[in-house]
Amino acid sequence: MRIRRAMRKKPLRRPVKKPRLKRRRIMEQKKRLAAAGITEEQMIHMNTRQIRAAIRETAA
């Protein structure tokens, strides 16, 4: 089997994750948690995994 041109160029086509968009996502998630009733003091001590888990718990 030969390696086609599209497969050789795959890393060039793949979008790169940007830190600015990550910060924006985290900010939006914190706003959702604040609307759900979690205080700012509690959010200061949470890391990103805990923030995502809290969003899942409040959504259910």
PDB file of N, CA and C in Angstrom:
ATOM      1  N   MET A   1       0.832  -1.183   0.000  1.00  0.00           N
ATOM      2  CA  MET A   1       0.000   0.000   0.000  1.00  0.00           C
ATOM      3  C   MET A   1       0.875   1.244   0.000  1.00  0.00           C
ATOM      4  N   ARG A   2       0.442   2.221  -0.738  1.00  0.00           N
ATOM      5  CA  ARG A   2       1.233   3.448  -0.764  1.00  0.00           C
ATOM      6  C   ARG A   2       0.640   4.487   0.195  1.00  0.00           C
ATOM      7  N   ILE A   3       1.464   5.405   0.579  1.00  0.00           N
ATOM      8  CA  ILE A   3       1.019   6.490   1.454  1.00  0.00           C
ATOM      9  C   ILE A   3       0.608   7.655   0.560  1.00  0.00           C
ATOM     10  N   ARG A   4      -0.634   7.994   0.656  1.00  0.00           N
ATOM     11  CA  ARG A   4      -1.150   9.057  -0.208  1.00  0.00           C
ATOM     12  C   ARG A   4      -0.758  10.435   0.314  1.00  0.00           C
ATOM     13  N   ARG A   5      -0.856  11.400  -0.551  1.00  0.00           N
ATOM     14  CA  ARG A   5      -0.455  12.765  -0.227  1.00  0.00           C
ATOM     15  C   ARG A   5      -1.285  13.337   0.925  1.00  0.00           C
ATOM     16  N   ALA A   6      -2.562  13.016   0.941  1.00  0.00           N
ATOM     17  CA  ALA A   6      -3.427  13.538   2.005  1.00  0.00           C
ATOM     18  C   ALA A   6      -2.965  13.057   3.381  1.00  0.00           C
ATOM     19  N   MET A   7      -2.493  11.825   3.465  1.00  0.00           N
ATOM     20  CA  MET A   7      -2.024  11.310   4.743  1.00  0.00           C
ATOM     21  C   MET A   7      -0.691  11.921   5.150  1.00  0.00           C
ATOM     22  N   ARG A   8       0.149  12.230   4.192  1.00  0.00           N
ATOM     23  CA  ARG A   8       1.435  12.858   4.512  1.00  0.00           C
ATOM     24  C   ARG A   8       1.234  14.270   5.049  1.00  0.00           C
ATOM     25  N   LYS A   9       0.161  14.922   4.625  1.00  0.00           N
ATOM     26  CA  LYS A   9      -0.060  16.309   5.016  1.00  0.00           C
ATOM     27  C   LYS A   9      -0.940  16.442   6.254  1.00  0.00           C
ATOM     28  N   LYS A  10      -1.288  15.334   6.889  1.00  0.00           N
ATOM     29  CA  LYS A  10      -2.223  15.358   8.001  1.00  0.00           C
ATOM     30  C   LYS A  10      -1.834  16.335   9.116  1.00  0.00           C
ATOM     31  N   PRO A  11      -0.581  16.355   9.602  1.00  0.00           N
ATOM     32  CA  PRO A  11      -0.262  17.306  10.669  1.00  0.00           C
ATOM     33  C   PRO A  11      -0.461  18.762  10.243  1.00  0.00           C
ATOM     34  N   LEU A  12      -0.331  19.031   8.954  1.00  0.00           N
ATOM     35  CA  LEU A  12      -0.511  20.400   8.487  1.00  0.00           C
ATOM     36  C   LEU A  12      -1.990  20.781   8.457  1.00  0.00           C
ATOM     37  N   ARG A  13      -2.862  19.799   8.250  1.00  0.00           N
ATOM     38  CA  ARG A  13      -4.290  20.094   8.160  1.00  0.00           C
ATOM     39  C   ARG A  13      -4.940  20.179   9.529  1.00  0.00           C
ATOM     40  N   ARG A  14      -4.361  19.530  10.509  1.00  0.00           N
ATOM     41  CA  ARG A  14      -4.973  19.463  11.839  1.00  0.00           C
ATOM     42  C   ARG A  14      -4.923  20.829  12.521  1.00  0.00           C
ATOM     43  N   PRO A  15      -6.061  21.297  13.036  1.00  0.00           N
ATOM     44  CA  PRO A  15      -6.044  22.596  13.724  1.00  0.00           C
ATOM     45  C   PRO A  15      -5.284  22.509  15.050  1.00  0.00           C
ATOM     46  N   VAL A  16      -4.622  23.567  15.395  1.00  0.00           N
ATOM     47  CA  VAL A  16      -3.835  23.623  16.615  1.00  0.00           C
ATOM     48  C   VAL A  16      -4.670  24.256  17.716  1.00  0.00           C
ATOM     49  N   LYS A  17      -4.657  23.638  18.901  1.00  0.00           N
ATOM     50  CA  LYS A  17      -5.391  24.212  20.028  1.00  0.00           C
ATOM     51  C   LYS A  17      -4.662  25.467  20.501  1.00  0.00           C
ATOM     52  N   LYS A  18      -5.416  26.494  20.753  1.00  0.00           N
ATOM     53  CA  LYS A  18      -4.830  27.773  21.140  1.00  0.00           C
ATOM     54  C   LYS A  18      -5.121  28.075  22.611  1.00  0.00           C
ATOM     55  N   PRO A  19      -4.151  28.599  23.343  1.00  0.00           N
ATOM     56  CA  PRO A  19      -4.352  28.880  24.767  1.00  0.00           C
ATOM     57  C   PRO A  19      -5.442  29.912  25.016  1.00  0.00           C
ATOM     58  N   ARG A  20      -5.591  30.853  24.108  1.00  0.00           N
ATOM     59  CA  ARG A  20      -6.607  31.884  24.279  1.00  0.00           C
ATOM     60  C   ARG A  20      -8.007  31.281  24.276  1.00  0.00           C
ATOM     61  N   LEU A  21      -8.242  30.321  23.388  1.00  0.00           N
ATOM     62  CA  LEU A  21      -9.548  29.677  23.330  1.00  0.00           C
ATOM     63  C   LEU A  21      -9.795  28.814  24.559  1.00  0.00           C
ATOM     64  N   LYS A  22      -8.735  28.215  25.098  1.00  0.00           N
ATOM     65  CA  LYS A  22      -8.868  27.419  26.315  1.00  0.00           C
ATOM     66  C   LYS A  22      -9.267  28.310  27.489  1.00  0.00           C
ATOM     67  N   ARG A  23      -8.613  29.478  27.604  1.00  0.00           N
ATOM     68  CA  ARG A  23      -8.964  30.419  28.674  1.00  0.00           C
ATOM     69  C   ARG A  23     -10.414  30.866  28.530  1.00  0.00           C
ATOM     70  N   ARG A  24     -10.841  31.074  27.291  1.00  0.00           N
ATOM     71  CA  ARG A  24     -12.215  31.509  27.049  1.00  0.00           C
ATOM     72  C   ARG A  24     -13.213  30.428  27.463  1.00  0.00           C
ATOM     73  N   ARG A  25     -12.912  29.161  27.121  1.00  0.00           N
ATOM     74  CA  ARG A  25     -13.789  28.063  27.508  1.00  0.00           C
ATOM     75  C   ARG A  25     -13.902  27.961  29.025  1.00  0.00           C
ATOM     76  N   ILE A  26     -12.776  28.066  29.718  1.00  0.00           N
ATOM     77  CA  ILE A  26     -12.786  27.981  31.177  1.00  0.00           C
ATOM     78  C   ILE A  26     -13.584  29.136  31.773  1.00  0.00           C
ATOM     79  N   MET A  27     -13.438  30.326  31.202  1.00  0.00           N
ATOM     80  CA  MET A  27     -14.177  31.488  31.683  1.00  0.00           C
ATOM     81  C   MET A  27     -15.682  31.282  31.520  1.00  0.00           C
ATOM     82  N   GLU A  28     -16.091  30.746  30.364  1.00  0.00           N
ATOM     83  CA  GLU A  28     -17.507  30.490  30.138  1.00  0.00           C
ATOM     84  C   GLU A  28     -18.037  29.428  31.093  1.00  0.00           C
ATOM     85  N   GLN A  29     -17.222  28.404  31.369  1.00  0.00           N
ATOM     86  CA  GLN A  29     -17.646  27.366  32.299  1.00  0.00           C
ATOM     87  C   GLN A  29     -17.804  27.926  33.710  1.00  0.00           C
ATOM     88  N   LYS A  30     -16.912  28.828  34.094  1.00  0.00           N
ATOM     89  CA  LYS A  30     -17.027  29.446  35.418  1.00  0.00           C
ATOM     90  C   LYS A  30     -18.291  30.300  35.514  1.00  0.00           C
ATOM     91  N   LYS A  31     -18.655  30.963  34.418  1.00  0.00           N
ATOM     92  CA  LYS A  31     -19.891  31.751  34.427  1.00  0.00           C
ATOM     93  C   LYS A  31     -21.102  30.849  34.609  1.00  0.00           C
ATOM     94  N   ARG A  32     -21.084  29.679  33.961  1.00  0.00           N
ATOM     95  CA  ARG A  32     -22.184  28.724  34.124  1.00  0.00           C
ATOM     96  C   ARG A  32     -22.284  28.232  35.562  1.00  0.00           C
ATOM     97  N   LEU A  33     -21.118  27.977  36.184  1.00  0.00           N
ATOM     98  CA  LEU A  33     -21.124  27.526  37.577  1.00  0.00           C
ATOM     99  C   LEU A  33     -21.625  28.625  38.510  1.00  0.00           C
ATOM    100  N   ALA A  34     -21.251  29.869  38.231  1.00  0.00           N
ATOM    101  CA  ALA A  34     -21.726  30.980  39.051  1.00  0.00           C
ATOM    102  C   ALA A  34     -23.244  31.107  38.939  1.00  0.00           C
ATOM    103  N   ALA A  35     -23.775  30.890  37.747  1.00  0.00           N
ATOM    104  CA  ALA A  35     -25.224  30.938  37.564  1.00  0.00           C
ATOM    105  C   ALA A  35     -25.911  29.775  38.278  1.00  0.00           C
ATOM    106  N   ALA A  36     -25.188  28.656  38.433  1.00  0.00           N
ATOM    107  CA  ALA A  36     -25.751  27.485  39.108  1.00  0.00           C
ATOM    108  C   ALA A  36     -25.685  27.615  40.625  1.00  0.00           C
ATOM    109  N   GLY A  37     -24.961  28.614  41.131  1.00  0.00           N
ATOM    110  CA  GLY A  37     -24.953  28.853  42.568  1.00  0.00           C
ATOM    111  C   GLY A  37     -23.642  28.575  43.271  1.00  0.00           C
ATOM    112  N   ILE A  38     -22.576  28.294  42.543  1.00  0.00           N
ATOM    113  CA  ILE A  38     -21.271  28.070  43.171  1.00  0.00           C
ATOM    114  C   ILE A  38     -20.578  29.425  43.320  1.00  0.00           C
ATOM    115  N   THR A  39     -20.051  29.665  44.515  1.00  0.00           N
ATOM    116  CA  THR A  39     -19.464  30.979  44.795  1.00  0.00           C
ATOM    117  C   THR A  39     -18.083  31.116  44.153  1.00  0.00           C
ATOM    118  N   GLU A  40     -17.645  32.347  44.022  1.00  0.00           N
ATOM    119  CA  GLU A  40     -16.325  32.654  43.460  1.00  0.00           C
ATOM    120  C   GLU A  40     -15.223  32.082  44.351  1.00  0.00           C
ATOM    121  N   GLU A  41     -15.436  32.102  45.662  1.00  0.00           N
ATOM    122  CA  GLU A  41     -14.457  31.567  46.611  1.00  0.00           C
ATOM    123  C   GLU A  41     -14.247  30.071  46.393  1.00  0.00           C
ATOM    124  N   GLN A  42     -15.311  29.344  46.088  1.00  0.00           N
ATOM    125  CA  GLN A  42     -15.180  27.911  45.822  1.00  0.00           C
ATOM    126  C   GLN A  42     -14.472  27.665  44.498  1.00  0.00           C
ATOM    127  N   MET A  43     -14.739  28.492  43.495  1.00  0.00           N
ATOM    128  CA  MET A  43     -14.133  28.305  42.181  1.00  0.00           C
ATOM    129  C   MET A  43     -12.634  28.582  42.172  1.00  0.00           C
ATOM    130  N   ILE A  44     -12.166  29.426  43.081  1.00  0.00           N
ATOM    131  CA  ILE A  44     -10.731  29.738  43.147  1.00  0.00           C
ATOM    132  C   ILE A  44      -9.928  28.478  43.446  1.00  0.00           C
ATOM    133  N   HIS A  45     -10.485  27.602  44.265  1.00  0.00           N
ATOM    134  CA  HIS A  45      -9.768  26.396  44.681  1.00  0.00           C
ATOM    135  C   HIS A  45      -9.976  25.207  43.746  1.00  0.00           C
ATOM    136  N   MET A  46     -10.728  25.389  42.657  1.00  0.00           N
ATOM    137  CA  MET A  46     -11.017  24.294  41.730  1.00  0.00           C
ATOM    138  C   MET A  46     -10.059  24.333  40.540  1.00  0.00           C
ATOM    139  N   ASN A  47      -9.618  23.141  40.098  1.00  0.00           N
ATOM    140  CA  ASN A  47      -8.848  23.084  38.865  1.00  0.00           C
ATOM    141  C   ASN A  47      -9.813  22.805  37.703  1.00  0.00           C
ATOM    142  N   THR A  48      -9.282  22.697  36.494  1.00  0.00           N
ATOM    143  CA  THR A  48     -10.163  22.582  35.328  1.00  0.00           C
ATOM    144  C   THR A  48     -10.969  21.291  35.333  1.00  0.00           C
ATOM    145  N   ARG A  49     -10.370  20.189  35.801  1.00  0.00           N
ATOM    146  CA  ARG A  49     -11.120  18.929  35.864  1.00  0.00           C
ATOM    147  C   ARG A  49     -12.289  19.036  36.828  1.00  0.00           C
ATOM    148  N   GLN A  50     -12.069  19.680  37.963  1.00  0.00           N
ATOM    149  CA  GLN A  50     -13.135  19.837  38.947  1.00  0.00           C
ATOM    150  C   GLN A  50     -14.233  20.748  38.419  1.00  0.00           C
ATOM    151  N   ILE A  51     -13.855  21.771  37.652  1.00  0.00           N
ATOM    152  CA  ILE A  51     -14.840  22.682  37.069  1.00  0.00           C
ATOM    153  C   ILE A  51     -15.730  21.932  36.093  1.00  0.00           C
ATOM    154  N   ARG A  52     -15.127  21.119  35.228  1.00  0.00           N
ATOM    155  CA  ARG A  52     -15.912  20.347  34.258  1.00  0.00           C
ATOM    156  C   ARG A  52     -16.816  19.340  34.944  1.00  0.00           C
ATOM    157  N   ALA A  53     -16.304  18.707  36.004  1.00  0.00           N
ATOM    158  CA  ALA A  53     -17.115  17.737  36.744  1.00  0.00           C
ATOM    159  C   ALA A  53     -18.300  18.428  37.414  1.00  0.00           C
ATOM    160  N   ALA A  54     -18.080  19.624  37.950  1.00  0.00           N
ATOM    161  CA  ALA A  54     -19.161  20.368  38.601  1.00  0.00           C
ATOM    162  C   ALA A  54     -20.231  20.780  37.583  1.00  0.00           C
ATOM    163  N   ILE A  55     -19.813  21.125  36.380  1.00  0.00           N
ATOM    164  CA  ILE A  55     -20.781  21.476  35.327  1.00  0.00           C
ATOM    165  C   ILE A  55     -21.633  20.272  34.994  1.00  0.00           C
ATOM    166  N   ARG A  56     -21.000  19.090  34.886  1.00  0.00           N
ATOM    167  CA  ARG A  56     -21.755  17.873  34.584  1.00  0.00           C
ATOM    168  C   ARG A  56     -22.750  17.550  35.700  1.00  0.00           C
ATOM    169  N   GLU A  57     -22.356  17.781  36.956  1.00  0.00           N
ATOM    170  CA  GLU A  57     -23.245  17.491  38.082  1.00  0.00           C
ATOM    171  C   GLU A  57     -24.430  18.448  38.111  1.00  0.00           C
ATOM    172  N   THR A  58     -24.191  19.708  37.803  1.00  0.00           N
ATOM    173  CA  THR A  58     -25.292  20.678  37.832  1.00  0.00           C
ATOM    174  C   THR A  58     -26.232  20.495  36.659  1.00  0.00           C
ATOM    175  N   ALA A  59     -25.715  19.969  35.539  1.00  0.00           N
ATOM    176  CA  ALA A  59     -26.558  19.757  34.351  1.00  0.00           C
ATOM    177  C   ALA A  59     -27.497  18.572  34.560  1.00  0.00           C
ATOM    178  N   ALA A  60     -27.070  17.585  35.333  1.00  0.00           N
ATOM    179  CA  ALA A  60     -27.889  16.373  35.518  1.00  0.00           C
ATOM    180  C   ALA A  60     -29.014  16.575  36.484  1.00  0.00           C
TER     181      ALA A  60
END
